[in-house]
Amino acid sequence: MHILSFPEEATPFELRAQVREIQEQAWPSPPGAAAPPDAPAHDPALRPLSMLLVADGTVVAALDILSKEIVHAGGRYAGGGLSTVVTRRETRGRGHGRRLVAAARETMLERKLDLGLFTCDRPLRAFYESAGWVVLPGAVLIGGTPQSPFPSDRPGFDKVTMAAFFSSEARRAEALFRDSRIELYPGEIDRLW
């Protein structure tokens, strides 16, 4: 089993088709509305990097790292987040997702991002913590756009914000991110990564 990484648009078709298949297992599209495997899932402006855990040509788990500059409390940070984290249904519970999520954290560090931020459903908190991420207490990510914000504390959501502070600048500013509303604004395609 090994991890492969590609810019989303350069992911080989046969692997991308498998990723779409397991995403459909996790988040089924309405009948007839599934996107074709070669259609981009993310806004190219977010420089999506697809990471795949592959065993004998089969994608076992997949995720995407999205990146953009984040402006918060007067500082500018190279930020990234996890999106579309998924494990093939028949292989869940074996640590494959955890392995990939931990590798994504290391990839963000290697890519010299200042910090990683993303939301997850509250029941998944322990899973992400087991892969090296920490809860950012009281933090709310504001997705969407400034004209059409999409906050992670909107009614009906039960999200927590997970984080990792990689650079010394980001570590010094960590307290400024706690108990705050962070204007992520990834756009209309990836409303909240």
Protein backbone atom coordinates (compact mmCIF):
# COMPACT_ATOMS: atom_id res chain seq x y z
CA MET A 1 0.00 0.00 0.00
CA HIS A 2 1.38 3.40 -0.93
CA ILE A 3 0.35 7.06 -1.10
CA LEU A 4 0.20 8.86 -4.44
CA SER A 5 -0.18 12.63 -4.80
CA PHE A 6 -1.22 14.58 -7.89
CA PRO A 7 -2.55 18.02 -8.66
CA GLU A 8 -6.26 17.26 -9.04
CA GLU A 9 -6.24 17.90 -12.79
CA ALA A 10 -3.27 15.55 -13.28
CA THR A 11 -4.73 12.58 -11.41
CA PRO A 12 -4.82 9.60 -13.80
CA PHE A 13 -8.34 8.95 -15.08
CA GLU A 14 -8.56 5.37 -13.73
CA LEU A 15 -7.66 6.56 -10.22
CA ARG A 16 -9.93 9.59 -10.39
CA ALA A 17 -12.83 7.32 -11.45
CA GLN A 18 -12.24 5.16 -8.36
CA VAL A 19 -12.14 8.25 -6.13
CA ARG A 20 -15.50 9.39 -7.53
CA GLU A 21 -16.89 5.91 -6.90
CA ILE A 22 -15.98 5.94 -3.20
CA GLN A 23 -17.14 9.55 -2.84
CA GLU A 24 -20.50 8.44 -4.23
CA GLN A 25 -20.54 5.66 -1.59
CA ALA A 26 -20.09 8.28 1.14
CA TRP A 27 -22.15 11.15 -0.31
CA PRO A 28 -24.57 9.85 -2.95
CA SER A 29 -25.63 12.32 -5.64
CA PRO A 30 -29.28 12.54 -6.64
CA PRO A 31 -30.10 10.07 -9.45
CA GLY A 32 -28.45 11.18 -12.70
CA ALA A 33 -26.57 14.06 -11.05
CA ALA A 34 -23.18 12.43 -10.37
CA ALA A 35 -20.31 14.36 -11.91
CA PRO A 36 -18.21 12.58 -14.53
CA PRO A 37 -14.85 11.33 -13.23
CA ASP A 38 -12.86 13.80 -15.31
CA ALA A 39 -14.79 16.86 -14.02
CA PRO A 40 -12.87 18.89 -11.43
CA ALA A 41 -14.29 18.60 -7.92
CA HIS A 42 -12.64 21.77 -6.63
CA ASP A 43 -11.98 25.35 -7.63
CA PRO A 44 -8.59 25.36 -9.42
CA ALA A 45 -7.77 28.65 -7.63
CA LEU A 46 -7.43 26.57 -4.43
CA ARG A 47 -4.62 24.50 -6.00
CA PRO A 48 -6.21 21.12 -5.11
CA LEU A 49 -3.73 18.35 -4.39
CA SER A 50 -5.26 14.87 -4.45
CA MET A 51 -3.75 12.29 -2.12
CA LEU A 52 -4.66 8.64 -2.65
CA LEU A 53 -3.87 5.55 -0.61
CA VAL A 54 -3.58 2.78 -3.19
CA ALA A 55 -3.29 -1.00 -2.74
CA ASP A 56 -2.65 -3.12 -5.86
CA GLY A 57 -4.15 -0.47 -8.14
CA THR A 58 -7.24 0.06 -5.96
CA VAL A 59 -7.87 3.41 -4.25
CA VAL A 60 -8.54 2.57 -0.61
CA ALA A 61 -8.78 6.14 0.73
CA ALA A 62 -8.59 9.62 -0.76
CA LEU A 63 -8.58 13.27 0.21
CA ASP A 64 -7.77 16.63 -1.26
CA ILE A 65 -5.67 19.44 0.21
CA LEU A 66 -6.94 22.89 -0.74
CA SER A 67 -4.73 25.95 -0.25
CA LYS A 68 -5.09 29.72 -0.21
CA GLU A 69 -3.87 32.80 1.61
CA ILE A 70 -5.81 33.45 4.79
CA VAL A 71 -5.96 36.93 6.31
CA HIS A 72 -6.75 36.95 10.03
CA ALA A 73 -6.25 39.44 12.85
CA GLY A 74 -3.93 41.56 10.70
CA GLY A 75 -1.73 38.66 9.59
CA ARG A 76 -1.42 36.83 6.27
CA TYR A 77 -0.89 33.07 6.29
CA ALA A 78 -0.40 30.36 3.70
CA GLY A 79 -3.26 28.12 4.73
CA GLY A 80 -4.54 24.75 3.69
CA GLY A 81 -7.36 22.44 4.59
CA LEU A 82 -8.59 18.92 4.06
CA SER A 83 -11.53 18.25 1.80
CA THR A 84 -13.46 15.17 0.63
CA VAL A 85 -11.76 12.75 3.04
CA VAL A 86 -13.15 9.32 2.24
CA THR A 87 -12.34 5.63 2.69
CA ARG A 88 -13.70 2.78 0.59
CA ARG A 89 -16.65 1.31 2.52
CA GLU A 90 -15.37 -2.27 2.59
CA THR A 91 -11.96 -1.23 4.00
CA ARG A 92 -13.12 1.15 6.76
CA GLY A 93 -11.97 0.62 10.32
CA ARG A 94 -8.46 -0.54 9.38
CA GLY A 95 -6.60 2.76 9.87
CA HIS A 96 -6.33 3.63 6.17
CA GLY A 97 -8.07 7.00 6.51
CA ARG A 98 -6.01 7.89 9.58
CA ARG A 99 -2.81 7.05 7.72
CA LEU A 100 -3.79 9.29 4.81
CA VAL A 101 -4.95 12.19 7.02
CA ALA A 102 -1.68 12.05 8.98
CA ALA A 103 0.27 12.03 5.71
CA ALA A 104 -1.70 15.05 4.49
CA ARG A 105 -0.69 16.94 7.64
CA GLU A 106 2.96 16.13 6.91
CA THR A 107 2.50 17.16 3.26
CA MET A 108 1.17 20.56 4.36
CA LEU A 109 4.22 21.00 6.56
CA GLU A 110 6.55 19.99 3.71
CA ARG A 111 4.79 22.42 1.36
CA LYS A 112 5.67 25.18 3.82
CA LEU A 113 2.11 26.13 4.66
CA ASP A 114 1.81 28.26 7.79
CA LEU A 115 -1.26 26.45 9.07
CA GLY A 116 -3.95 23.92 8.34
CA LEU A 117 -7.61 24.58 9.15
CA PHE A 118 -10.76 22.66 8.31
CA THR A 119 -14.05 21.65 9.84
CA CYS A 120 -15.38 18.19 10.50
CA ASP A 121 -18.55 16.72 11.93
CA ARG A 122 -18.25 16.65 15.72
CA PRO A 123 -18.31 12.81 15.90
CA LEU A 124 -15.15 12.71 13.70
CA ARG A 125 -13.11 14.87 16.10
CA ALA A 126 -11.32 11.90 17.74
CA PHE A 127 -10.47 10.44 14.34
CA TYR A 128 -8.69 13.64 13.24
CA GLU A 129 -7.03 14.06 16.63
CA SER A 130 -5.61 10.53 16.29
CA ALA A 131 -3.95 11.70 13.05
CA GLY A 132 -2.21 14.68 14.68
CA TRP A 133 -4.78 17.46 14.33
CA VAL A 134 -6.10 19.49 17.29
CA VAL A 135 -9.42 21.17 17.95
CA LEU A 136 -9.27 24.94 17.70
CA PRO A 137 -11.61 25.92 20.56
CA GLY A 138 -14.42 28.29 19.70
CA ALA A 139 -13.21 28.85 16.13
CA VAL A 140 -15.73 29.22 13.32
CA LEU A 141 -14.67 29.08 9.67
CA ILE A 142 -16.52 31.45 7.37
CA GLY A 143 -16.75 29.84 3.95
CA GLY A 144 -18.42 30.93 0.75
CA THR A 145 -17.64 34.49 -0.31
CA PRO A 146 -17.82 37.87 1.46
CA GLN A 147 -21.05 38.53 -0.48
CA SER A 148 -22.49 35.09 0.37
CA PRO A 149 -20.86 33.84 3.60
CA PHE A 150 -21.24 30.22 4.66
CA PRO A 151 -20.27 29.90 8.37
CA SER A 152 -19.47 26.58 10.00
CA ASP A 153 -21.77 27.43 12.93
CA ARG A 154 -24.86 27.82 10.78
CA PRO A 155 -28.09 26.22 12.05
CA GLY A 156 -28.21 22.48 11.49
CA PHE A 157 -24.41 22.09 11.40
CA ASP A 158 -22.56 20.34 14.20
CA LYS A 159 -18.97 21.12 13.25
CA VAL A 160 -15.69 21.57 15.06
CA THR A 161 -12.66 23.34 13.62
CA MET A 162 -9.46 21.30 13.45
CA ALA A 163 -6.05 22.93 13.13
CA ALA A 164 -2.29 22.54 12.93
CA PHE A 165 0.11 25.48 13.23
CA PHE A 166 3.24 24.75 11.23
CA SER A 167 5.31 27.93 10.90
CA SER A 168 6.78 29.87 13.82
CA GLU A 169 4.69 32.88 12.72
CA ALA A 170 1.48 30.83 12.85
CA ARG A 171 2.41 29.26 16.20
CA ARG A 172 2.93 32.75 17.67
CA ALA A 173 -0.52 33.77 16.39
CA GLU A 174 -2.35 30.61 17.51
CA ALA A 175 -4.20 32.38 20.34
CA LEU A 176 -5.63 34.86 17.82
CA PHE A 177 -7.37 31.99 16.02
CA ARG A 178 -9.05 30.57 19.12
CA ASP A 179 -12.60 31.74 19.85
CA SER A 180 -12.70 33.67 16.59
CA ARG A 181 -14.47 33.84 13.27
CA ILE A 182 -11.92 33.05 10.55
CA GLU A 183 -12.71 34.41 7.09
CA LEU A 184 -11.67 31.53 4.90
CA TYR A 185 -13.78 32.47 1.83
CA PRO A 186 -12.83 29.61 -0.52
CA GLY A 187 -15.57 30.60 -2.98
CA GLU A 188 -18.81 29.13 -4.31
CA ILE A 189 -17.51 25.73 -5.48
CA ASP A 190 -15.77 24.74 -2.24
CA ARG A 191 -18.03 26.67 0.06
CA LEU A 192 -16.40 25.25 3.18
CA TRP A 193 -13.45 22.98 2.83
